[in-house]
């Protein structure tokens, strides 16, 4: 681990705010380490600053925030395109150019730095939380949230800097920094990283049942269950993926189609995690509505970047009520998405969505189908399809049902950041053509090393224990 990188976290301790409005106001308190760690109030303030750092990706929302990482994932998939006149990070990910993975590029460094800063703040909380003064319920809540934040960071890191669990469990993952000692560490194996993720989340699961979050901004037991379902799905532990996804499906109704059409910027009954924006901390140019805006989404700025491919609109989503597009107002023959829209004409415009229950319906269905519980899987899939007014699947074949669930996942969640991670865990190739409406022909073989990022160069220089990932120009695909 780069000591310089981790050492910067001491400064980040000062990023703290009021407990219940940490996402809607500017930071208001500068605290010393001693003040921070002595009681519930101090650690809560540090926790709020850690949440803020996580939400905003260490002040780099379009790259290193949860939504920024999902944007890069969307750009890496089959169905969305990046405007060829807007060359930048999204274009590099869309075209699989060397800037998306090179160790000297900005994206690998930005995500690595942001995740480890959040991790180190969580570590400071966890090192001190059992020794502070306060009610046990408050201590449990702080500890459970810190564990969940750390686990999500490691889940992001291990999927971005190494191939999927089933393929690479014995390969180097990322360093497991579990204390604030700042000592350089070698990369733990992928298996070891997943073991830690599961340990953190299952520990959080025992600590958060009594925690009632003040708003949808916070990680509660539902968020922990959601993350566990995603983790177990990636590990191909189908029984546990189904178990934890069911906890969400049982507690959250699907949004109506009216709500689906409303722009994904107002919390509704399906949102499990989102971020309320205030007048001083809204994302302005970095919201999903801006990324997809060509003049149709009421955003404060038209990024004119992300648009659906013609093939996706005309073939994959033909006649599906979730195909929220119009003719692109700037580029004849192309489409523009209206799925993500702002609601107001002045700041803070709209709220930010992160996790929603429909994904868990699909996780539970897929996990059940892979265990050959066709009846349960089909029932869950049909529930979602009927709510959306989409075509209803009727197959009794296990393989055909799995394919139908994965197609439904593609239709329901388009533009929401699952694409890159699904390509990895399902070990799929990427084939895009100009005849599909894409700007370039792109052919990426399954398990290409272009799908993962190299470790940032400065980290490798400053930590001799770090083993670098293969350079795709020299080793194009994963080698067992």
Foldseek 3Di string as FASTA:
>chain_A
DFLVLLVCLQVLLQQFDDQQCLQADGRDGGDHLVQLQAALRSVSRLLSSLLVLQQCLNVPNLAAHLQNLLLLLLLQFFWKAWPPVQDDQSNCSNQLPLLVFPQAHDRLVSNVSSLVSSLASLQSLLVRLVPHDDDLLSSLLSNLQSLLSNLVSLVVQQVFADFFCVVFQQHFGADDDNHSPSDFDEGDGNVVSLVSSVVSLVSSLVRAPPDDRPDLAGDGNLNSLVVQLVSCVSVLVLVSVLVSLVVLVVQADDDFVVVQLPAQFADDRFFNHWGWYYQPNAPQCNALLQQQALPPALGNHNSSTMFTWQCCLCPLCPPFSNQAWDQRPPDGPGITHRSHHFDDNHPPRGIGTRDGSVVSLLSNLLSCLVVVVQVVSLVSQQVVCVSRVHDRDDDSDSVVSNVVSVSVCCRPQNPRRCRLVCCRSVQQWHFHPVVRVHPHTHTQHGQFPSSHHWNNPVSCVSRVSYDTDDSCVVVGGDDD
